[in-house]
């Protein structure tokens, strides 16, 4: 299956550069995954789309200020580091710029209180860094780091919390689970009051989000592993939903990938608390094990996420809905509008 099958033209002006003042003021395109039928609504209408007895699964990861700007100590040249994954003992997997000049052994200084030495190199700008510092690393990172906004967002983000969900609590992500950015505390309270159960999982978004596909066929692509956690409380809620035949609605592709990972681990049996690394790649032909419906944003052309939503609703349905969204001037990507596939 050729990657170009998932390509489409997106006018640059439709890429949302800043979040709306009101989180829940986005538009919502709803789509029946079987028929492909669409409707144009507002995100607050998700309250009508969800049913009593549904389980809404949200990713509670919290984004760290993972982008650091420093200088290469021996030359004074500018250097940029994007932290992706903690490896323990002050070592991190990261992306660096400029990759050609930042080789093994290079030391990057971010000021008097923080330095890093490059220990290993991998492809496409990937590096393993070991940090040296005085004090508490997380506090230093909060002071020096910037939010790791995707490269297609050129505008400065004035409020860091707008790149966090209102329920973010487990720190460790290099990107926000952006479908969750549309929810407010008030909207979540109304959803609970309707009889919808809320369940939380954690997936720390890493390198897979930032790396474009560099292969010609879908099957050749290898996903980068990301860390996930499922609590026993959430496992119990999901088991109950399955026993009752209630819908499991994933908020975002990260929640979807986590649910499908644990569904694969327990192979139809009762779910239990677990954690680990997932490199699950969902594309058409995949049979969903837990997820019945999905709330998601609009994704990049030829991306693994367009392939994931196509697995759920069909490639032709998704591309037709995306074309409709473009014609209706929906806002795309991280700070853009949303889609509900049911």
C-alpha atoms as a PDB file:
ATOM      1  CA  UNK A   1       0.000   0.000   0.000  1.00  0.00           C
ATOM      2  CA  UNK A   2       1.651   3.204  -1.209  1.00  0.00           C
ATOM      3  CA  UNK A   3       2.022   6.111   1.222  1.00  0.00           C
ATOM      4  CA  UNK A   4       0.834   8.517  -1.505  1.00  0.00           C
ATOM      5  CA  UNK A   5      -2.655   7.025  -1.174  1.00  0.00           C
ATOM      6  CA  UNK A   6      -2.949   9.116   2.003  1.00  0.00           C
ATOM      7  CA  UNK A   7      -1.865  12.399   0.462  1.00  0.00           C
ATOM      8  CA  UNK A   8      -4.102  15.457   0.065  1.00  0.00           C
ATOM      9  CA  UNK A   9      -3.576  19.147  -0.604  1.00  0.00           C
ATOM     10  CA  UNK A  10      -4.003  21.388   2.425  1.00  0.00           C
ATOM     11  CA  UNK A  11      -3.927  25.178   1.981  1.00  0.00           C
ATOM     12  CA  UNK A  12      -1.368  26.596   4.402  1.00  0.00           C
ATOM     13  CA  UNK A  13      -3.811  29.181   5.735  1.00  0.00           C
ATOM     14  CA  UNK A  14      -5.918  26.388   7.262  1.00  0.00           C
ATOM     15  CA  UNK A  15      -3.115  25.347   9.644  1.00  0.00           C
ATOM     16  CA  UNK A  16      -4.192  26.754  13.035  1.00  0.00           C
ATOM     17  CA  UNK A  17      -1.379  28.856  14.511  1.00  0.00           C
ATOM     18  CA  UNK A  18      -2.901  29.761  17.869  1.00  0.00           C
ATOM     19  CA  UNK A  19      -5.519  28.162  20.130  1.00  0.00           C
ATOM     20  CA  UNK A  20      -8.986  29.685  20.282  1.00  0.00           C
ATOM     21  CA  UNK A  21      -9.699  31.811  23.403  1.00  0.00           C
ATOM     22  CA  UNK A  22     -12.314  29.240  24.485  1.00  0.00           C
ATOM     23  CA  UNK A  23     -11.063  25.631  24.369  1.00  0.00           C
ATOM     24  CA  UNK A  24     -14.470  24.189  23.499  1.00  0.00           C
ATOM     25  CA  UNK A  25     -15.327  26.750  20.783  1.00  0.00           C
ATOM     26  CA  UNK A  26     -13.835  24.621  17.991  1.00  0.00           C
ATOM     27  CA  UNK A  27     -15.928  23.147  15.223  1.00  0.00           C
ATOM     28  CA  UNK A  28     -16.739  19.436  15.139  1.00  0.00           C
ATOM     29  CA  UNK A  29     -17.158  17.301  12.037  1.00  0.00           C
ATOM     30  CA  UNK A  30     -19.011  14.093  12.898  1.00  0.00           C
ATOM     31  CA  UNK A  31     -18.812  11.005  10.697  1.00  0.00           C
ATOM     32  CA  UNK A  32     -20.556   7.647  10.683  1.00  0.00           C
ATOM     33  CA  UNK A  33     -17.673   5.236  10.075  1.00  0.00           C
ATOM     34  CA  UNK A  34     -19.907   2.775   8.234  1.00  0.00           C
ATOM     35  CA  UNK A  35     -21.711   5.069   5.801  1.00  0.00           C
ATOM     36  CA  UNK A  36     -19.273   7.976   5.702  1.00  0.00           C
ATOM     37  CA  UNK A  37     -22.149  10.397   6.395  1.00  0.00           C
ATOM     38  CA  UNK A  38     -20.920  13.690   7.876  1.00  0.00           C
ATOM     39  CA  UNK A  39     -22.418  16.596   9.808  1.00  0.00           C
ATOM     40  CA  UNK A  40     -20.957  19.978  10.742  1.00  0.00           C
ATOM     41  CA  UNK A  41     -21.351  20.895  14.397  1.00  0.00           C
ATOM     42  CA  UNK A  42     -19.618  22.671  17.301  1.00  0.00           C
ATOM     43  CA  UNK A  43     -17.379  20.868  19.760  1.00  0.00           C
ATOM     44  CA  UNK A  44     -19.777  21.435  22.669  1.00  0.00           C
ATOM     45  CA  UNK A  45     -22.248  19.261  20.706  1.00  0.00           C
ATOM     46  CA  UNK A  46     -20.091  16.289  21.668  1.00  0.00           C
ATOM     47  CA  UNK A  47     -22.392  16.231  24.699  1.00  0.00           C
ATOM     48  CA  UNK A  48     -25.250  15.188  22.376  1.00  0.00           C
ATOM     49  CA  UNK A  49     -23.083  12.705  20.469  1.00  0.00           C
ATOM     50  CA  UNK A  50     -22.060  10.801  23.600  1.00  0.00           C
ATOM     51  CA  UNK A  51     -24.559   8.381  25.140  1.00  0.00           C
ATOM     52  CA  UNK A  52     -25.249   7.425  28.756  1.00  0.00           C
ATOM     53  CA  UNK A  53     -23.151   4.323  29.456  1.00  0.00           C
ATOM     54  CA  UNK A  54     -20.341   5.331  27.077  1.00  0.00           C
ATOM     55  CA  UNK A  55     -16.789   5.294  28.434  1.00  0.00           C
ATOM     56  CA  UNK A  56     -14.655   8.264  27.402  1.00  0.00           C
ATOM     57  CA  UNK A  57     -10.929   7.455  27.557  1.00  0.00           C
ATOM     58  CA  UNK A  58      -8.511  10.380  27.958  1.00  0.00           C
ATOM     59  CA  UNK A  59      -4.709  10.512  27.888  1.00  0.00           C
ATOM     60  CA  UNK A  60      -3.532  12.332  31.035  1.00  0.00           C
ATOM     61  CA  UNK A  61       0.086  12.802  29.942  1.00  0.00           C
ATOM     62  CA  UNK A  62       1.595  16.208  30.689  1.00  0.00           C
ATOM     63  CA  UNK A  63       3.953  17.907  28.234  1.00  0.00           C
ATOM     64  CA  UNK A  64       7.352  18.921  29.577  1.00  0.00           C
ATOM     65  CA  UNK A  65       9.072  22.127  28.333  1.00  0.00           C
ATOM     66  CA  UNK A  66      11.268  19.897  26.204  1.00  0.00           C
ATOM     67  CA  UNK A  67      12.820  22.401  23.761  1.00  0.00           C
ATOM     68  CA  UNK A  68      16.181  23.809  24.877  1.00  0.00           C
ATOM     69  CA  UNK A  69      18.368  26.414  23.152  1.00  0.00           C
ATOM     70  CA  UNK A  70      22.092  26.529  23.872  1.00  0.00           C
ATOM     71  CA  UNK A  71      25.514  26.831  22.300  1.00  0.00           C
ATOM     72  CA  UNK A  72      28.176  24.329  21.275  1.00  0.00           C
ATOM     73  CA  UNK A  73      30.898  24.968  23.856  1.00  0.00           C
ATOM     74  CA  UNK A  74      33.935  24.702  21.580  1.00  0.00           C
ATOM     75  CA  UNK A  75      32.651  26.966  18.788  1.00  0.00           C
ATOM     76  CA  UNK A  76      29.850  29.044  20.311  1.00  0.00           C
ATOM     77  CA  UNK A  77      27.526  27.932  17.491  1.00  0.00           C
ATOM     78  CA  UNK A  78      23.800  27.857  18.262  1.00  0.00           C
ATOM     79  CA  UNK A  79      22.315  24.467  19.154  1.00  0.00           C
ATOM     80  CA  UNK A  80      18.738  23.289  19.663  1.00  0.00           C
ATOM     81  CA  UNK A  81      17.692  20.185  21.588  1.00  0.00           C
ATOM     82  CA  UNK A  82      14.254  18.545  21.756  1.00  0.00           C
ATOM     83  CA  UNK A  83      13.986  16.063  24.631  1.00  0.00           C
ATOM     84  CA  UNK A  84      11.957  12.996  23.707  1.00  0.00           C
ATOM     85  CA  UNK A  85      12.422  10.272  26.288  1.00  0.00           C
ATOM     86  CA  UNK A  86      14.144   9.952  29.660  1.00  0.00           C
ATOM     87  CA  UNK A  87      16.514   6.990  29.737  1.00  0.00           C
ATOM     88  CA  UNK A  88      17.295   7.413  33.454  1.00  0.00           C
ATOM     89  CA  UNK A  89      20.501   8.506  35.181  1.00  0.00           C
ATOM     90  CA  UNK A  90      20.322  11.983  33.549  1.00  0.00           C
ATOM     91  CA  UNK A  91      20.395  10.501  30.028  1.00  0.00           C
ATOM     92  CA  UNK A  92      17.804  11.467  27.411  1.00  0.00           C
ATOM     93  CA  UNK A  93      16.896  10.503  23.895  1.00  0.00           C
ATOM     94  CA  UNK A  94      16.629  13.742  21.908  1.00  0.00           C
ATOM     95  CA  UNK A  95      16.595  15.395  18.516  1.00  0.00           C
ATOM     96  CA  UNK A  96      19.260  18.041  17.847  1.00  0.00           C
ATOM     97  CA  UNK A  97      19.826  20.852  15.359  1.00  0.00           C
ATOM     98  CA  UNK A  98      22.082  21.282  13.450  1.00  0.00           C
ATOM     99  CA  UNK A  99      22.623  17.519  13.325  1.00  0.00           C
ATOM    100  CA  UNK A 100      25.697  17.704  11.091  1.00  0.00           C
ATOM    101  CA  UNK A 101      27.644  19.746  13.643  1.00  0.00           C
ATOM    102  CA  UNK A 102      26.520  18.036  16.848  1.00  0.00           C
ATOM    103  CA  UNK A 103      28.449  14.759  16.929  1.00  0.00           C
ATOM    104  CA  UNK A 104      29.404  12.287  19.670  1.00  0.00           C
ATOM    105  CA  UNK A 105      31.482  14.012  22.338  1.00  0.00           C
ATOM    106  CA  UNK A 106      30.158  17.507  21.635  1.00  0.00           C
ATOM    107  CA  UNK A 107      29.196  19.521  24.717  1.00  0.00           C
ATOM    108  CA  UNK A 108      26.196  21.869  24.619  1.00  0.00           C
ATOM    109  CA  UNK A 109      25.829  24.604  27.215  1.00  0.00           C
ATOM    110  CA  UNK A 110      22.450  26.036  28.172  1.00  0.00           C
ATOM    111  CA  UNK A 111      23.924  28.462  30.687  1.00  0.00           C
ATOM    112  CA  UNK A 112      25.873  28.064  33.909  1.00  0.00           C
ATOM    113  CA  UNK A 113      23.429  25.614  35.491  1.00  0.00           C
ATOM    114  CA  UNK A 114      22.953  23.104  32.663  1.00  0.00           C
ATOM    115  CA  UNK A 115      25.202  21.350  30.134  1.00  0.00           C
ATOM    116  CA  UNK A 116      24.855  18.192  28.043  1.00  0.00           C
ATOM    117  CA  UNK A 117      27.324  15.888  26.312  1.00  0.00           C
ATOM    118  CA  UNK A 118      26.338  13.841  23.251  1.00  0.00           C
ATOM    119  CA  UNK A 119      27.028  10.159  23.986  1.00  0.00           C
ATOM    120  CA  UNK A 120      25.512   8.410  20.958  1.00  0.00           C
ATOM    121  CA  UNK A 121      24.174   9.225  17.500  1.00  0.00           C
ATOM    122  CA  UNK A 122      21.279   7.723  15.556  1.00  0.00           C
ATOM    123  CA  UNK A 123      19.659   8.631  12.259  1.00  0.00           C
ATOM    124  CA  UNK A 124      17.712  11.794  11.333  1.00  0.00           C
ATOM    125  CA  UNK A 125      19.122  13.982  14.102  1.00  0.00           C
ATOM    126  CA  UNK A 126      18.558  11.516  16.942  1.00  0.00           C
ATOM    127  CA  UNK A 127      21.041  11.645  19.838  1.00  0.00           C
ATOM    128  CA  UNK A 128      21.527  10.284  23.331  1.00  0.00           C
ATOM    129  CA  UNK A 129      22.501  13.105  25.700  1.00  0.00           C
ATOM    130  CA  UNK A 130      23.794  13.013  29.276  1.00  0.00           C
ATOM    131  CA  UNK A 131      23.022  16.142  31.316  1.00  0.00           C
ATOM    132  CA  UNK A 132      25.195  17.792  33.951  1.00  0.00           C
ATOM    133  CA  UNK A 133      23.621  20.340  36.284  1.00  0.00           C
ATOM    134  CA  UNK A 134      23.475  21.843  39.764  1.00  0.00           C
ATOM    135  CA  UNK A 135      20.107  21.559  41.496  1.00  0.00           C
ATOM    136  CA  UNK A 136      16.896  19.755  40.487  1.00  0.00           C
ATOM    137  CA  UNK A 137      16.686  18.901  36.786  1.00  0.00           C
ATOM    138  CA  UNK A 138      12.913  19.393  36.449  1.00  0.00           C
ATOM    139  CA  UNK A 139      13.086  22.848  38.042  1.00  0.00           C
ATOM    140  CA  UNK A 140      15.923  23.856  35.713  1.00  0.00           C
ATOM    141  CA  UNK A 141      13.957  22.550  32.723  1.00  0.00           C
ATOM    142  CA  UNK A 142      10.888  24.546  33.799  1.00  0.00           C
ATOM    143  CA  UNK A 143      13.027  27.703  33.816  1.00  0.00           C
ATOM    144  CA  UNK A 144      15.045  27.167  30.651  1.00  0.00           C
ATOM    145  CA  UNK A 145      12.850  24.976  28.459  1.00  0.00           C
ATOM    146  CA  UNK A 146      10.148  25.979  25.999  1.00  0.00           C
ATOM    147  CA  UNK A 147       7.031  24.084  24.978  1.00  0.00           C
ATOM    148  CA  UNK A 148       7.811  21.765  22.033  1.00  0.00           C
ATOM    149  CA  UNK A 149       5.249  23.065  19.563  1.00  0.00           C
ATOM    150  CA  UNK A 150       5.151  21.264  16.201  1.00  0.00           C
ATOM    151  CA  UNK A 151       7.259  22.818  13.410  1.00  0.00           C
ATOM    152  CA  UNK A 152       4.196  23.948  11.424  1.00  0.00           C
ATOM    153  CA  UNK A 153       3.221  26.351  14.261  1.00  0.00           C
ATOM    154  CA  UNK A 154       5.139  29.592  13.730  1.00  0.00           C
ATOM    155  CA  UNK A 155       3.352  31.797  16.263  1.00  0.00           C
ATOM    156  CA  UNK A 156       4.597  32.146  19.843  1.00  0.00           C
ATOM    157  CA  UNK A 157       2.410  30.553  22.518  1.00  0.00           C
ATOM    158  CA  UNK A 158       1.760  33.105  25.264  1.00  0.00           C
ATOM    159  CA  UNK A 159       0.258  30.686  27.789  1.00  0.00           C
ATOM    160  CA  UNK A 160       2.040  27.317  28.227  1.00  0.00           C
ATOM    161  CA  UNK A 161      -1.085  25.747  29.707  1.00  0.00           C
ATOM    162  CA  UNK A 162      -2.898  26.071  26.375  1.00  0.00           C
ATOM    163  CA  UNK A 163      -0.656  23.258  25.096  1.00  0.00           C
ATOM    164  CA  UNK A 164      -1.796  21.083  28.020  1.00  0.00           C
ATOM    165  CA  UNK A 165      -5.131  19.367  28.501  1.00  0.00           C
ATOM    166  CA  UNK A 166      -7.080  20.462  31.590  1.00  0.00           C
ATOM    167  CA  UNK A 167      -6.616  16.931  32.967  1.00  0.00           C
ATOM    168  CA  UNK A 168      -2.850  16.608  32.267  1.00  0.00           C
ATOM    169  CA  UNK A 169      -1.033  15.201  35.293  1.00  0.00           C
ATOM    170  CA  UNK A 170       1.678  12.632  34.422  1.00  0.00           C
ATOM    171  CA  UNK A 171       4.750  14.506  33.164  1.00  0.00           C
ATOM    172  CA  UNK A 172       6.856  13.046  30.389  1.00  0.00           C
ATOM    173  CA  UNK A 173       5.424  13.906  26.968  1.00  0.00           C
ATOM    174  CA  UNK A 174       7.194  15.667  24.101  1.00  0.00           C
ATOM    175  CA  UNK A 175       3.864  16.680  22.539  1.00  0.00           C
ATOM    176  CA  UNK A 176       0.296  17.233  23.662  1.00  0.00           C
ATOM    177  CA  UNK A 177      -2.497  14.724  22.993  1.00  0.00           C
ATOM    178  CA  UNK A 178      -4.196  17.487  21.020  1.00  0.00           C
ATOM    179  CA  UNK A 179      -7.713  16.056  20.695  1.00  0.00           C
ATOM    180  CA  UNK A 180      -7.998  16.580  24.444  1.00  0.00           C
ATOM    181  CA  UNK A 181      -7.267  20.315  24.183  1.00  0.00           C
ATOM    182  CA  UNK A 182     -10.932  20.944  23.298  1.00  0.00           C
ATOM    183  CA  UNK A 183     -12.263  19.867  26.695  1.00  0.00           C
ATOM    184  CA  UNK A 184     -12.938  22.244  29.582  1.00  0.00           C
ATOM    185  CA  UNK A 185     -13.620  21.224  33.178  1.00  0.00           C
ATOM    186  CA  UNK A 186     -17.203  22.446  32.719  1.00  0.00           C
ATOM    187  CA  UNK A 187     -17.748  20.311  29.608  1.00  0.00           C
ATOM    188  CA  UNK A 188     -16.271  17.226  31.302  1.00  0.00           C
ATOM    189  CA  UNK A 189     -18.616  17.768  34.272  1.00  0.00           C
ATOM    190  CA  UNK A 190     -21.617  17.889  31.911  1.00  0.00           C
ATOM    191  CA  UNK A 191     -20.422  14.712  30.179  1.00  0.00           C
ATOM    192  CA  UNK A 192     -20.167  12.902  33.532  1.00  0.00           C
ATOM    193  CA  UNK A 193     -23.588  14.207  34.575  1.00  0.00           C
ATOM    194  CA  UNK A 194     -25.042  12.635  31.425  1.00  0.00           C
ATOM    195  CA  UNK A 195     -23.913   9.212  32.597  1.00  0.00           C
ATOM    196  CA  UNK A 196     -20.715   8.890  30.586  1.00  0.00           C
ATOM    197  CA  UNK A 197     -17.818   7.338  32.502  1.00  0.00           C
ATOM    198  CA  UNK A 198     -14.389   8.978  32.287  1.00  0.00           C
ATOM    199  CA  UNK A 199     -11.301   6.771  32.285  1.00  0.00           C
ATOM    200  CA  UNK A 200      -7.672   7.886  32.131  1.00  0.00           C
ATOM    201  CA  UNK A 201      -4.687   6.226  30.491  1.00  0.00           C
ATOM    202  CA  UNK A 202      -1.165   7.594  29.941  1.00  0.00           C
ATOM    203  CA  UNK A 203       0.908   7.578  26.784  1.00  0.00           C
ATOM    204  CA  UNK A 204       3.964   9.835  26.672  1.00  0.00           C
ATOM    205  CA  UNK A 205       4.180  11.099  23.110  1.00  0.00           C
ATOM    206  CA  UNK A 206       7.688  10.758  21.664  1.00  0.00           C
ATOM    207  CA  UNK A 207       9.659  10.587  18.447  1.00  0.00           C
ATOM    208  CA  UNK A 208       6.909   8.987  16.372  1.00  0.00           C
ATOM    209  CA  UNK A 209       4.989  12.256  16.428  1.00  0.00           C
ATOM    210  CA  UNK A 210       7.863  14.307  15.021  1.00  0.00           C
ATOM    211  CA  UNK A 211       9.323  12.024  12.387  1.00  0.00           C
ATOM    212  CA  UNK A 212       7.714  12.027   8.941  1.00  0.00           C
ATOM    213  CA  UNK A 213       7.356   8.777   7.063  1.00  0.00           C
ATOM    214  CA  UNK A 214      10.433   8.256   4.892  1.00  0.00           C
ATOM    215  CA  UNK A 215       9.322   5.075   3.122  1.00  0.00           C
ATOM    216  CA  UNK A 216       7.292   4.522  -0.039  1.00  0.00           C
ATOM    217  CA  UNK A 217       4.957   1.820   1.246  1.00  0.00           C
ATOM    218  CA  UNK A 218       2.943   1.822   4.453  1.00  0.00           C
ATOM    219  CA  UNK A 219       4.087  -1.649   5.483  1.00  0.00           C
ATOM    220  CA  UNK A 220       7.759  -0.601   5.500  1.00  0.00           C
ATOM    221  CA  UNK A 221       7.287   2.039   8.206  1.00  0.00           C
ATOM    222  CA  UNK A 222       8.453   1.258  11.741  1.00  0.00           C
ATOM    223  CA  UNK A 223       6.886   3.201  14.602  1.00  0.00           C
ATOM    224  CA  UNK A 224       9.050   4.551  17.400  1.00  0.00           C
ATOM    225  CA  UNK A 225       8.208   3.063  20.817  1.00  0.00           C
ATOM    226  CA  UNK A 226       6.378   5.233  23.366  1.00  0.00           C
ATOM    227  CA  UNK A 227       5.733   4.546  27.066  1.00  0.00           C
ATOM    228  CA  UNK A 228       2.183   3.799  28.253  1.00  0.00           C
ATOM    229  CA  UNK A 229       0.463   3.075  31.568  1.00  0.00           C
ATOM    230  CA  UNK A 230      -2.928   1.547  32.326  1.00  0.00           C
ATOM    231  CA  UNK A 231      -4.162   1.622  35.931  1.00  0.00           C
ATOM    232  CA  UNK A 232      -6.283  -1.105  37.514  1.00  0.00           C
ATOM    233  CA  UNK A 233      -9.055   1.467  38.047  1.00  0.00           C
ATOM    234  CA  UNK A 234      -9.208   2.156  34.302  1.00  0.00           C
ATOM    235  CA  UNK A 235      -8.903  -1.552  33.485  1.00  0.00           C
ATOM    236  CA  UNK A 236     -11.964  -2.220  35.700  1.00  0.00           C
ATOM    237  CA  UNK A 237     -13.977   0.557  33.986  1.00  0.00           C
ATOM    238  CA  UNK A 238     -13.104  -0.799  30.543  1.00  0.00           C
ATOM    239  CA  UNK A 239     -13.904  -4.382  31.547  1.00  0.00           C
ATOM    240  CA  UNK A 240     -17.321  -3.257  32.763  1.00  0.00           C
ATOM    241  CA  UNK A 241     -17.962  -1.377  29.501  1.00  0.00           C
ATOM    242  CA  UNK A 242     -17.109  -4.482  27.473  1.00  0.00           C
ATOM    243  CA  UNK A 243     -19.323  -6.711  29.620  1.00  0.00           C
ATOM    244  CA  UNK A 244     -22.261  -4.333  29.132  1.00  0.00           C
ATOM    245  CA  UNK A 245     -21.571  -3.837  25.426  1.00  0.00           C
ATOM    246  CA  UNK A 246     -21.162  -0.081  25.928  1.00  0.00           C
ATOM    247  CA  UNK A 247     -19.134   2.073  23.568  1.00  0.00           C
ATOM    248  CA  UNK A 248     -15.497   2.849  24.332  1.00  0.00           C
ATOM    249  CA  UNK A 249     -14.696   6.297  22.936  1.00  0.00           C
ATOM    250  CA  UNK A 250     -11.013   7.209  22.658  1.00  0.00           C
ATOM    251  CA  UNK A 251     -10.026  10.864  22.917  1.00  0.00           C
ATOM    252  CA  UNK A 252      -7.170  11.190  20.460  1.00  0.00           C
ATOM    253  CA  UNK A 253      -4.962   8.795  18.555  1.00  0.00           C
ATOM    254  CA  UNK A 254      -2.673   8.383  21.585  1.00  0.00           C
ATOM    255  CA  UNK A 255      -5.550   7.032  23.694  1.00  0.00           C
ATOM    256  CA  UNK A 256      -6.594   4.856  20.766  1.00  0.00           C
ATOM    257  CA  UNK A 257      -3.110   3.376  20.331  1.00  0.00           C
ATOM    258  CA  UNK A 258      -2.830   2.691  24.070  1.00  0.00           C
ATOM    259  CA  UNK A 259      -6.214   0.971  24.201  1.00  0.00           C
ATOM    260  CA  UNK A 260      -5.423  -1.155  21.173  1.00  0.00           C
ATOM    261  CA  UNK A 261      -2.038  -2.065  22.659  1.00  0.00           C
ATOM    262  CA  UNK A 262      -3.569  -3.370  25.888  1.00  0.00           C
ATOM    263  CA  UNK A 263      -6.355  -5.027  23.916  1.00  0.00           C
ATOM    264  CA  UNK A 264      -3.655  -6.935  22.055  1.00  0.00           C
ATOM    265  CA  UNK A 265      -1.845  -7.869  25.257  1.00  0.00           C
ATOM    266  CA  UNK A 266      -4.880  -9.454  26.901  1.00  0.00           C
ATOM    267  CA  UNK A 267      -6.330 -10.930  23.671  1.00  0.00           C
ATOM    268  CA  UNK A 268     -10.020 -10.579  24.518  1.00  0.00           C
ATOM    269  CA  UNK A 269      -9.648 -11.527  28.188  1.00  0.00           C
ATOM    270  CA  UNK A 270     -10.118  -9.202  31.178  1.00  0.00           C
ATOM    271  CA  UNK A 271      -7.790  -6.213  31.169  1.00  0.00           C
ATOM    272  CA  UNK A 272      -5.377  -5.678  34.063  1.00  0.00           C
ATOM    273  CA  UNK A 273      -3.075  -2.864  35.136  1.00  0.00           C
ATOM    274  CA  UNK A 274       0.025  -2.765  32.956  1.00  0.00           C
ATOM    275  CA  UNK A 275       2.725  -0.508  31.567  1.00  0.00           C
ATOM    276  CA  UNK A 276       5.437  -0.724  28.976  1.00  0.00           C
ATOM    277  CA  UNK A 277       6.465   0.420  25.517  1.00  0.00           C
ATOM    278  CA  UNK A 278       4.256   0.351  22.440  1.00  0.00           C
ATOM    279  CA  UNK A 279       5.198   0.702  18.788  1.00  0.00           C
ATOM    280  CA  UNK A 280       1.760  -0.269  17.496  1.00  0.00           C
ATOM    281  CA  UNK A 281       1.097   0.974  13.952  1.00  0.00           C
ATOM    282  CA  UNK A 282      -2.569   1.021  13.004  1.00  0.00           C
ATOM    283  CA  UNK A 283      -3.445   1.265   9.310  1.00  0.00           C
ATOM    284  CA  UNK A 284      -6.229  -0.094   7.062  1.00  0.00           C
ATOM    285  CA  UNK A 285      -6.685  -3.815   7.478  1.00  0.00           C
ATOM    286  CA  UNK A 286      -6.285  -3.558  11.256  1.00  0.00           C
ATOM    287  CA  UNK A 287      -9.118  -5.027  13.367  1.00  0.00           C
ATOM    288  CA  UNK A 288      -9.938  -2.874  16.399  1.00  0.00           C
ATOM    289  CA  UNK A 289     -10.100  -4.692  19.710  1.00  0.00           C
ATOM    290  CA  UNK A 290     -11.385  -2.056  22.157  1.00  0.00           C
ATOM    291  CA  UNK A 291     -12.065   1.270  20.435  1.00  0.00           C
ATOM    292  CA  UNK A 292     -15.579   1.833  19.083  1.00  0.00           C
ATOM    293  CA  UNK A 293     -15.417   5.580  18.411  1.00  0.00           C
ATOM    294  CA  UNK A 294     -12.759   8.293  18.268  1.00  0.00           C
ATOM    295  CA  UNK A 295     -12.511  12.019  18.915  1.00  0.00           C
ATOM    296  CA  UNK A 296      -9.538  13.369  16.992  1.00  0.00           C
ATOM    297  CA  UNK A 297      -8.103  16.435  15.264  1.00  0.00           C
ATOM    298  CA  UNK A 298      -7.331  16.716  11.539  1.00  0.00           C
ATOM    299  CA  UNK A 299      -3.924  15.254  10.695  1.00  0.00           C
ATOM    300  CA  UNK A 300      -0.997  15.797   8.359  1.00  0.00           C
ATOM    301  CA  UNK A 301      -1.063  14.385   4.815  1.00  0.00           C
ATOM    302  CA  UNK A 302       0.709  11.018   4.432  1.00  0.00           C
ATOM    303  CA  UNK A 303       1.013  10.672   8.229  1.00  0.00           C
ATOM    304  CA  UNK A 304       0.600   7.556  10.356  1.00  0.00           C
ATOM    305  CA  UNK A 305      -2.356   9.295  12.044  1.00  0.00           C
ATOM    306  CA  UNK A 306      -4.287   9.702   8.783  1.00  0.00           C
ATOM    307  CA  UNK A 307      -3.698   5.979   8.300  1.00  0.00           C
ATOM    308  CA  UNK A 308      -5.016   5.239  11.812  1.00  0.00           C
ATOM    309  CA  UNK A 309      -8.301   7.108  11.258  1.00  0.00           C
ATOM    310  CA  UNK A 310      -8.563   5.443   7.825  1.00  0.00           C
ATOM    311  CA  UNK A 311      -8.292   2.055   9.548  1.00  0.00           C
ATOM    312  CA  UNK A 312     -11.306   2.984  11.665  1.00  0.00           C
ATOM    313  CA  UNK A 313     -13.501   4.636   9.023  1.00  0.00           C
ATOM    314  CA  UNK A 314     -12.066   3.688   5.623  1.00  0.00           C
ATOM    315  CA  UNK A 315      -9.592   5.627   3.490  1.00  0.00           C
ATOM    316  CA  UNK A 316     -12.171   6.940   1.010  1.00  0.00           C
ATOM    317  CA  UNK A 317     -14.490   8.119   3.795  1.00  0.00           C
ATOM    318  CA  UNK A 318     -11.635   9.915   5.561  1.00  0.00           C
ATOM    319  CA  UNK A 319     -10.255  11.618   2.457  1.00  0.00           C
ATOM    320  CA  UNK A 320     -13.773  12.717   1.450  1.00  0.00           C
ATOM    321  CA  UNK A 321     -14.383  14.122   4.951  1.00  0.00           C
ATOM    322  CA  UNK A 322     -11.030  15.912   4.898  1.00  0.00           C
ATOM    323  CA  UNK A 323     -11.855  17.473   1.518  1.00  0.00           C
ATOM    324  CA  UNK A 324     -15.185  18.609   2.953  1.00  0.00           C
ATOM    325  CA  UNK A 325     -13.386  20.107   5.960  1.00  0.00           C
ATOM    326  CA  UNK A 326     -10.986  21.962   3.640  1.00  0.00           C
ATOM    327  CA  UNK A 327     -13.883  23.363   1.587  1.00  0.00           C
ATOM    328  CA  UNK A 328     -15.631  24.447   4.812  1.00  0.00           C
ATOM    329  CA  UNK A 329     -12.382  26.024   6.011  1.00  0.00           C
ATOM    330  CA  UNK A 330     -11.930  23.961   9.162  1.00  0.00           C
ATOM    331  CA  UNK A 331      -8.783  24.662  11.168  1.00  0.00           C
ATOM    332  CA  UNK A 332      -6.216  21.859  10.937  1.00  0.00           C
ATOM    333  CA  UNK A 333      -3.653  20.159  13.195  1.00  0.00           C
ATOM    334  CA  UNK A 334      -2.748  20.716  16.869  1.00  0.00           C
ATOM    335  CA  UNK A 335      -4.721  23.908  17.598  1.00  0.00           C
ATOM    336  CA  UNK A 336      -7.380  23.141  14.991  1.00  0.00           C
ATOM    337  CA  UNK A 337     -10.899  21.762  14.932  1.00  0.00           C
ATOM    338  CA  UNK A 338     -12.049  18.247  15.794  1.00  0.00           C
ATOM    339  CA  UNK A 339     -13.667  15.198  14.273  1.00  0.00           C
ATOM    340  CA  UNK A 340     -15.865  12.562  15.897  1.00  0.00           C
ATOM    341  CA  UNK A 341     -15.821   9.181  14.179  1.00  0.00           C
ATOM    342  CA  UNK A 342     -18.531   6.878  15.538  1.00  0.00           C
END
